[in-house]
Amino acid sequence: MQGDGATQKGPGTADDRSTSFRAVEGGNQMQSGEKLLVEAYAVIWIVVVVFVVSMFRRQRRLDRQITSLEAALDKARQKGEGG
């Protein structure tokens, strides 16, 4: 009885296919490693710049809030001393 997959001719087992290289005709999906490296660095720098800008904007907003709270405290102190 020779019906098992090991003796059949054809594409082979999944293990055989996973270790052998077969070129694919058609399609152009090759990209150079250099291009991918540059794209990866660009994405990383964009993320870093967006993060730094958002932190800068948050810090400015916090500085304005602190200034307004300090002014409110000064006003409350003057009111408390005068009354």
C-alpha atoms as a PDB file:
ATOM      1  CA  MET A   1       0.000   0.000   0.000  1.00  0.00           C
ATOM      2  CA  GLN A   2       1.731   3.147  -1.196  1.00  0.00           C
ATOM      3  CA  GLY A   3      -0.927   5.746  -0.473  1.00  0.00           C
ATOM      4  CA  ASP A   4       0.990   7.634   2.212  1.00  0.00           C
ATOM      5  CA  GLY A   5       2.316  11.144   1.516  1.00  0.00           C
ATOM      6  CA  ALA A   6       5.999  10.156   1.813  1.00  0.00           C
ATOM      7  CA  THR A   7       6.009   8.004  -1.330  1.00  0.00           C
ATOM      8  CA  GLN A   8       3.870  10.235  -3.537  1.00  0.00           C
ATOM      9  CA  LYS A   9       5.588  12.395  -6.087  1.00  0.00           C
ATOM     10  CA  GLY A  10       4.604  16.032  -6.198  1.00  0.00           C
ATOM     11  CA  PRO A  11       5.146  19.115  -4.097  1.00  0.00           C
ATOM     12  CA  GLY A  12       6.326  17.121  -1.061  1.00  0.00           C
ATOM     13  CA  THR A  13       5.443  17.495   2.562  1.00  0.00           C
ATOM     14  CA  ALA A  14       5.007  20.779   4.346  1.00  0.00           C
ATOM     15  CA  ASP A  15       8.432  20.351   5.948  1.00  0.00           C
ATOM     16  CA  ASP A  16      10.065  19.857   2.548  1.00  0.00           C
ATOM     17  CA  ARG A  17       8.385  22.945   1.151  1.00  0.00           C
ATOM     18  CA  SER A  18       9.360  25.095   4.127  1.00  0.00           C
ATOM     19  CA  THR A  19      13.088  24.383   3.706  1.00  0.00           C
ATOM     20  CA  SER A  20      13.369  24.732  -0.036  1.00  0.00           C
ATOM     21  CA  PHE A  21      13.462  27.969  -1.991  1.00  0.00           C
ATOM     22  CA  ARG A  22      11.235  28.348  -4.999  1.00  0.00           C
ATOM     23  CA  ALA A  23      11.401  31.488  -7.071  1.00  0.00           C
ATOM     24  CA  VAL A  24       8.084  33.092  -7.847  1.00  0.00           C
ATOM     25  CA  GLU A  25       7.601  34.313 -11.359  1.00  0.00           C
ATOM     26  CA  GLY A  26       5.831  37.570 -11.923  1.00  0.00           C
ATOM     27  CA  GLY A  27       5.249  40.137  -9.213  1.00  0.00           C
ATOM     28  CA  ASN A  28       7.845  42.638  -8.120  1.00  0.00           C
ATOM     29  CA  GLN A  29       7.879  42.612  -4.357  1.00  0.00           C
ATOM     30  CA  MET A  30      11.614  42.932  -3.820  1.00  0.00           C
ATOM     31  CA  GLN A  31      12.735  45.983  -1.882  1.00  0.00           C
ATOM     32  CA  SER A  32      16.276  46.870  -1.018  1.00  0.00           C
ATOM     33  CA  GLY A  33      17.342  46.613   2.587  1.00  0.00           C
ATOM     34  CA  GLU A  34      18.804  50.102   2.385  1.00  0.00           C
ATOM     35  CA  LYS A  35      15.452  51.592   1.412  1.00  0.00           C
ATOM     36  CA  LEU A  36      13.687  49.733   4.220  1.00  0.00           C
ATOM     37  CA  LEU A  37      16.300  50.942   6.724  1.00  0.00           C
ATOM     38  CA  VAL A  38      15.855  54.554   5.655  1.00  0.00           C
ATOM     39  CA  GLU A  39      12.068  54.213   5.854  1.00  0.00           C
ATOM     40  CA  ALA A  40      12.300  52.694   9.341  1.00  0.00           C
ATOM     41  CA  TYR A  41      14.540  55.514  10.572  1.00  0.00           C
ATOM     42  CA  ALA A  42      12.202  58.090   9.026  1.00  0.00           C
ATOM     43  CA  VAL A  43       9.212  56.591  10.830  1.00  0.00           C
ATOM     44  CA  ILE A  44      11.118  56.533  14.119  1.00  0.00           C
ATOM     45  CA  TRP A  45      12.183  60.177  13.750  1.00  0.00           C
ATOM     46  CA  ILE A  46       8.658  61.252  12.854  1.00  0.00           C
ATOM     47  CA  VAL A  47       7.314  59.521  15.972  1.00  0.00           C
ATOM     48  CA  VAL A  48      10.016  61.152  18.131  1.00  0.00           C
ATOM     49  CA  VAL A  49       9.362  64.622  16.706  1.00  0.00           C
ATOM     50  CA  VAL A  50       5.587  64.282  17.186  1.00  0.00           C
ATOM     51  CA  PHE A  51       6.164  63.126  20.776  1.00  0.00           C
ATOM     52  CA  VAL A  52       8.534  66.015  21.584  1.00  0.00           C
ATOM     53  CA  VAL A  53       6.204  68.602  20.034  1.00  0.00           C
ATOM     54  CA  SER A  54       3.217  67.240  21.962  1.00  0.00           C
ATOM     55  CA  MET A  55       5.221  67.310  25.214  1.00  0.00           C
ATOM     56  CA  PHE A  56       6.299  70.882  24.475  1.00  0.00           C
ATOM     57  CA  ARG A  57       2.677  71.940  23.922  1.00  0.00           C
ATOM     58  CA  ARG A  58       1.555  70.192  27.114  1.00  0.00           C
ATOM     59  CA  GLN A  59       4.335  71.886  29.062  1.00  0.00           C
ATOM     60  CA  ARG A  60       3.296  75.314  27.765  1.00  0.00           C
ATOM     61  CA  ARG A  61      -0.306  74.612  28.738  1.00  0.00           C
ATOM     62  CA  LEU A  62       0.771  73.505  32.213  1.00  0.00           C
ATOM     63  CA  ASP A  63       2.926  76.631  32.599  1.00  0.00           C
ATOM     64  CA  ARG A  64      -0.079  78.819  31.745  1.00  0.00           C
ATOM     65  CA  GLN A  65      -2.256  76.939  34.241  1.00  0.00           C
ATOM     66  CA  ILE A  66       0.374  77.260  36.976  1.00  0.00           C
ATOM     67  CA  THR A  67       0.729  80.983  36.280  1.00  0.00           C
ATOM     68  CA  SER A  68      -3.021  81.471  36.483  1.00  0.00           C
ATOM     69  CA  LEU A  69      -3.221  79.453  39.729  1.00  0.00           C
ATOM     70  CA  GLU A  70      -0.377  81.467  41.235  1.00  0.00           C
ATOM     71  CA  ALA A  71      -2.188  84.677  40.304  1.00  0.00           C
ATOM     72  CA  ALA A  72      -5.391  83.356  41.874  1.00  0.00           C
ATOM     73  CA  LEU A  73      -3.503  82.431  45.053  1.00  0.00           C
ATOM     74  CA  ASP A  74      -1.873  85.854  45.240  1.00  0.00           C
ATOM     75  CA  LYS A  75      -5.272  87.488  44.795  1.00  0.00           C
ATOM     76  CA  ALA A  76      -6.795  85.279  47.515  1.00  0.00           C
ATOM     77  CA  ARG A  77      -3.905  86.076  49.893  1.00  0.00           C
ATOM     78  CA  GLN A  78      -4.303  89.811  49.325  1.00  0.00           C
ATOM     79  CA  LYS A  79      -8.025  89.527  49.897  1.00  0.00           C
ATOM     80  CA  GLY A  80      -7.456  87.547  53.098  1.00  0.00           C
ATOM     81  CA  GLU A  81      -4.909  90.050  54.441  1.00  0.00           C
ATOM     82  CA  GLY A  82      -7.036  93.059  53.610  1.00  0.00           C
ATOM     83  CA  GLY A  83     -10.302  91.726  55.062  1.00  0.00           C
END
